[in-house]
Amino acid sequence: MCDCVNFIKVDKTPDELNKEFIKHFVSFRKENNLTQDLLGIYSHVNRVKIARIESGMHSPTVKNLLDIIGPLGYTIKIEKIKKDKGN
């Protein structure tokens, strides 16, 4: 284990975090009343690429994500993981 000042032990694996991201990505699209086709039209990102992101077959780059969500008025934010009070 690292003795680094900013290191925290996270409760989720990268795979679990990826699954959570996919769930939030799909929810984002549906909450904005968008089909994959319509999101593709607005973002100029191929619907197939959007479908592959949602199925977990494709890991988007940050630029891909910004291309997809930017035209809808969204951006990406880096957020620190909060420690559980029990840790």
N, C-alpha and C. Protein backbone atom coordinates (compact mmCIF):
# COMPACT_ATOMS: atom_id res chain seq x y z
N MET A 1 0.84 -1.18 0.00
CA MET A 1 0.00 0.00 0.00
C MET A 1 0.88 1.23 0.00
N CYS A 2 0.45 2.24 -0.69
CA CYS A 2 1.19 3.50 -0.82
C CYS A 2 0.99 4.36 0.42
N ASP A 3 2.07 4.98 0.89
CA ASP A 3 1.98 5.92 2.01
C ASP A 3 1.79 7.34 1.51
N CYS A 4 1.41 7.50 0.26
CA CYS A 4 1.24 8.82 -0.34
C CYS A 4 0.10 9.57 0.36
N VAL A 5 0.28 10.87 0.50
CA VAL A 5 -0.69 11.71 1.19
C VAL A 5 -2.06 11.68 0.53
N ASN A 6 -2.10 11.71 -0.81
CA ASN A 6 -3.37 11.80 -1.52
C ASN A 6 -3.97 10.44 -1.89
N PHE A 7 -3.33 9.35 -1.51
CA PHE A 7 -3.81 8.02 -1.85
C PHE A 7 -4.97 7.63 -0.95
N ILE A 8 -6.04 7.11 -1.54
CA ILE A 8 -7.12 6.52 -0.75
C ILE A 8 -7.44 5.16 -1.34
N LYS A 9 -7.86 4.28 -0.51
CA LYS A 9 -8.28 2.96 -0.98
C LYS A 9 -9.73 3.08 -1.43
N VAL A 10 -9.99 2.71 -2.68
CA VAL A 10 -11.35 2.80 -3.20
C VAL A 10 -12.06 1.47 -3.02
N ASP A 11 -13.37 1.56 -2.89
CA ASP A 11 -14.18 0.38 -2.64
C ASP A 11 -14.58 -0.35 -3.92
N LYS A 12 -14.34 0.26 -5.08
CA LYS A 12 -14.76 -0.33 -6.34
C LYS A 12 -13.56 -0.55 -7.25
N THR A 13 -13.62 -1.64 -7.99
CA THR A 13 -12.57 -1.94 -8.97
C THR A 13 -12.79 -1.07 -10.21
N PRO A 14 -11.77 -0.95 -11.05
CA PRO A 14 -11.98 -0.22 -12.32
C PRO A 14 -13.12 -0.80 -13.15
N ASP A 15 -13.29 -2.11 -13.15
CA ASP A 15 -14.41 -2.72 -13.89
C ASP A 15 -15.75 -2.29 -13.32
N GLU A 16 -15.85 -2.25 -12.00
CA GLU A 16 -17.10 -1.81 -11.36
C GLU A 16 -17.37 -0.34 -11.66
N LEU A 17 -16.32 0.48 -11.64
CA LEU A 17 -16.48 1.90 -11.96
C LEU A 17 -16.90 2.07 -13.42
N ASN A 18 -16.38 1.24 -14.31
CA ASN A 18 -16.77 1.30 -15.72
C ASN A 18 -18.24 0.94 -15.89
N LYS A 19 -18.69 -0.10 -15.20
CA LYS A 19 -20.10 -0.49 -15.27
C LYS A 19 -21.00 0.63 -14.74
N GLU A 20 -20.56 1.28 -13.69
CA GLU A 20 -21.31 2.40 -13.13
C GLU A 20 -21.36 3.56 -14.12
N PHE A 21 -20.22 3.83 -14.78
CA PHE A 21 -20.18 4.88 -15.80
C PHE A 21 -21.19 4.58 -16.91
N ILE A 22 -21.20 3.35 -17.40
CA ILE A 22 -22.10 2.96 -18.48
C ILE A 22 -23.55 3.18 -18.05
N LYS A 23 -23.87 2.78 -16.84
CA LYS A 23 -25.23 2.96 -16.31
C LYS A 23 -25.60 4.45 -16.32
N HIS A 24 -24.67 5.30 -15.87
CA HIS A 24 -24.93 6.74 -15.84
C HIS A 24 -25.02 7.32 -17.25
N PHE A 25 -24.21 6.81 -18.17
CA PHE A 25 -24.24 7.28 -19.55
C PHE A 25 -25.60 6.99 -20.19
N VAL A 26 -26.11 5.78 -20.00
CA VAL A 26 -27.42 5.40 -20.55
C VAL A 26 -28.51 6.24 -19.89
N SER A 27 -28.42 6.42 -18.57
CA SER A 27 -29.42 7.25 -17.87
C SER A 27 -29.40 8.68 -18.39
N PHE A 28 -28.20 9.22 -18.62
CA PHE A 28 -28.07 10.57 -19.16
C PHE A 28 -28.83 10.69 -20.48
N ARG A 29 -28.63 9.71 -21.36
CA ARG A 29 -29.29 9.76 -22.66
C ARG A 29 -30.80 9.68 -22.52
N LYS A 30 -31.26 8.76 -21.68
CA LYS A 30 -32.71 8.58 -21.52
C LYS A 30 -33.36 9.76 -20.81
N GLU A 31 -32.67 10.34 -19.80
CA GLU A 31 -33.22 11.50 -19.09
C GLU A 31 -33.35 12.71 -20.01
N ASN A 32 -32.56 12.73 -21.07
CA ASN A 32 -32.65 13.81 -22.05
C ASN A 32 -33.56 13.43 -23.23
N ASN A 33 -34.33 12.35 -23.05
CA ASN A 33 -35.30 11.87 -24.04
C ASN A 33 -34.68 11.68 -25.42
N LEU A 34 -33.52 11.03 -25.44
CA LEU A 34 -32.80 10.82 -26.69
C LEU A 34 -32.66 9.33 -27.00
N THR A 35 -32.89 8.99 -28.25
CA THR A 35 -32.53 7.66 -28.72
C THR A 35 -31.05 7.70 -29.06
N GLN A 36 -30.47 6.55 -29.28
CA GLN A 36 -29.07 6.52 -29.72
C GLN A 36 -28.93 7.24 -31.06
N ASP A 37 -29.91 7.07 -31.94
CA ASP A 37 -29.87 7.73 -33.24
C ASP A 37 -29.87 9.25 -33.09
N LEU A 38 -30.77 9.77 -32.27
CA LEU A 38 -30.88 11.21 -32.09
C LEU A 38 -29.63 11.78 -31.42
N LEU A 39 -29.10 11.07 -30.43
CA LEU A 39 -27.87 11.51 -29.79
C LEU A 39 -26.73 11.54 -30.81
N GLY A 40 -26.71 10.57 -31.70
CA GLY A 40 -25.70 10.55 -32.76
C GLY A 40 -25.83 11.73 -33.70
N ILE A 41 -27.06 12.10 -34.02
CA ILE A 41 -27.28 13.26 -34.90
C ILE A 41 -26.82 14.54 -34.22
N TYR A 42 -27.21 14.74 -32.97
CA TYR A 42 -26.82 15.97 -32.25
C TYR A 42 -25.31 16.07 -32.05
N SER A 43 -24.68 14.94 -31.77
CA SER A 43 -23.26 14.96 -31.40
C SER A 43 -22.32 14.73 -32.59
N HIS A 44 -22.87 14.32 -33.72
CA HIS A 44 -22.05 13.97 -34.89
C HIS A 44 -21.13 12.79 -34.58
N VAL A 45 -21.57 11.94 -33.65
CA VAL A 45 -20.86 10.70 -33.32
C VAL A 45 -21.75 9.56 -33.79
N ASN A 46 -21.18 8.62 -34.51
CA ASN A 46 -21.91 7.51 -35.08
C ASN A 46 -22.73 6.78 -34.01
N ARG A 47 -23.99 6.46 -34.35
CA ARG A 47 -24.86 5.74 -33.43
C ARG A 47 -24.26 4.42 -33.00
N VAL A 48 -23.53 3.78 -33.90
CA VAL A 48 -22.91 2.50 -33.57
C VAL A 48 -21.89 2.68 -32.44
N LYS A 49 -21.13 3.77 -32.49
CA LYS A 49 -20.15 4.04 -31.43
C LYS A 49 -20.87 4.26 -30.10
N ILE A 50 -21.99 4.98 -30.12
CA ILE A 50 -22.77 5.20 -28.90
C ILE A 50 -23.29 3.88 -28.37
N ALA A 51 -23.79 3.02 -29.25
CA ALA A 51 -24.28 1.70 -28.84
C ALA A 51 -23.16 0.87 -28.23
N ARG A 52 -21.97 0.94 -28.80
CA ARG A 52 -20.84 0.16 -28.28
C ARG A 52 -20.40 0.68 -26.92
N ILE A 53 -20.47 2.00 -26.71
CA ILE A 53 -20.16 2.55 -25.38
C ILE A 53 -21.16 2.02 -24.37
N GLU A 54 -22.44 2.06 -24.73
CA GLU A 54 -23.49 1.62 -23.81
C GLU A 54 -23.44 0.12 -23.53
N SER A 55 -22.92 -0.65 -24.45
CA SER A 55 -22.85 -2.11 -24.23
C SER A 55 -21.55 -2.52 -23.55
N GLY A 56 -20.63 -1.56 -23.40
CA GLY A 56 -19.34 -1.86 -22.79
C GLY A 56 -18.32 -2.42 -23.77
N MET A 57 -18.66 -2.43 -25.05
CA MET A 57 -17.74 -2.95 -26.07
C MET A 57 -16.67 -1.93 -26.45
N HIS A 58 -16.92 -0.66 -26.16
CA HIS A 58 -16.00 0.41 -26.54
C HIS A 58 -15.80 1.34 -25.35
N SER A 59 -14.55 1.65 -25.05
CA SER A 59 -14.24 2.63 -24.02
C SER A 59 -13.96 3.96 -24.71
N PRO A 60 -14.81 4.94 -24.49
CA PRO A 60 -14.64 6.20 -25.20
C PRO A 60 -13.46 7.00 -24.66
N THR A 61 -12.88 7.80 -25.53
CA THR A 61 -11.86 8.73 -25.06
C THR A 61 -12.57 9.92 -24.43
N VAL A 62 -11.83 10.73 -23.72
CA VAL A 62 -12.42 11.94 -23.14
C VAL A 62 -12.97 12.82 -24.26
N LYS A 63 -12.23 12.91 -25.37
CA LYS A 63 -12.70 13.72 -26.49
C LYS A 63 -14.01 13.18 -27.05
N ASN A 64 -14.13 11.85 -27.18
CA ASN A 64 -15.39 11.26 -27.65
C ASN A 64 -16.54 11.67 -26.74
N LEU A 65 -16.31 11.58 -25.43
CA LEU A 65 -17.37 11.93 -24.48
C LEU A 65 -17.76 13.40 -24.61
N LEU A 66 -16.75 14.27 -24.75
CA LEU A 66 -17.04 15.69 -24.91
C LEU A 66 -17.78 15.96 -26.21
N ASP A 67 -17.43 15.22 -27.26
CA ASP A 67 -18.14 15.35 -28.54
C ASP A 67 -19.60 14.95 -28.40
N ILE A 68 -19.86 13.93 -27.58
CA ILE A 68 -21.22 13.41 -27.42
C ILE A 68 -22.05 14.32 -26.52
N ILE A 69 -21.52 14.73 -25.38
CA ILE A 69 -22.34 15.47 -24.41
C ILE A 69 -22.27 16.98 -24.56
N GLY A 70 -21.22 17.50 -25.19
CA GLY A 70 -21.05 18.94 -25.35
C GLY A 70 -22.21 19.63 -26.04
N PRO A 71 -22.69 19.12 -27.18
CA PRO A 71 -23.79 19.78 -27.87
C PRO A 71 -25.09 19.84 -27.05
N LEU A 72 -25.16 19.05 -25.99
CA LEU A 72 -26.35 19.06 -25.13
C LEU A 72 -26.15 19.96 -23.91
N GLY A 73 -24.99 20.64 -23.85
CA GLY A 73 -24.74 21.56 -22.75
C GLY A 73 -24.10 20.93 -21.53
N TYR A 74 -23.45 19.78 -21.70
CA TYR A 74 -22.81 19.09 -20.58
C TYR A 74 -21.29 19.07 -20.76
N THR A 75 -20.59 18.82 -19.68
CA THR A 75 -19.15 18.64 -19.72
C THR A 75 -18.77 17.52 -18.77
N ILE A 76 -17.48 17.26 -18.66
CA ILE A 76 -16.97 16.22 -17.76
C ILE A 76 -16.27 16.90 -16.60
N LYS A 77 -16.42 16.35 -15.43
CA LYS A 77 -15.83 16.92 -14.23
C LYS A 77 -15.04 15.83 -13.51
N ILE A 78 -13.83 16.16 -13.08
CA ILE A 78 -13.06 15.23 -12.25
C ILE A 78 -13.46 15.50 -10.81
N GLU A 79 -13.84 14.43 -10.12
CA GLU A 79 -14.36 14.58 -8.77
C GLU A 79 -13.66 13.60 -7.85
N LYS A 80 -13.23 14.07 -6.70
CA LYS A 80 -12.56 13.22 -5.73
C LYS A 80 -13.55 12.22 -5.14
N ILE A 81 -13.11 10.99 -4.99
CA ILE A 81 -13.92 9.96 -4.37
C ILE A 81 -13.95 10.22 -2.88
N LYS A 82 -15.14 10.21 -2.32
CA LYS A 82 -15.27 10.46 -0.89
C LYS A 82 -15.05 9.17 -0.11
N LYS A 83 -14.30 9.27 0.97
CA LYS A 83 -14.07 8.10 1.81
C LYS A 83 -15.33 7.80 2.62
N ASP A 84 -15.58 6.51 2.82
CA ASP A 84 -16.66 6.12 3.74
C ASP A 84 -16.23 6.49 5.14
N LYS A 85 -17.18 6.90 5.96
CA LYS A 85 -16.84 7.29 7.34
C LYS A 85 -16.33 6.10 8.14
N GLY A 86 -16.64 4.89 7.69
CA GLY A 86 -16.19 3.69 8.39
C GLY A 86 -14.75 3.34 8.10
N ASN A 87 -14.11 3.97 7.10
CA ASN A 87 -12.72 3.65 6.71
C ASN A 87 -11.73 4.46 7.51
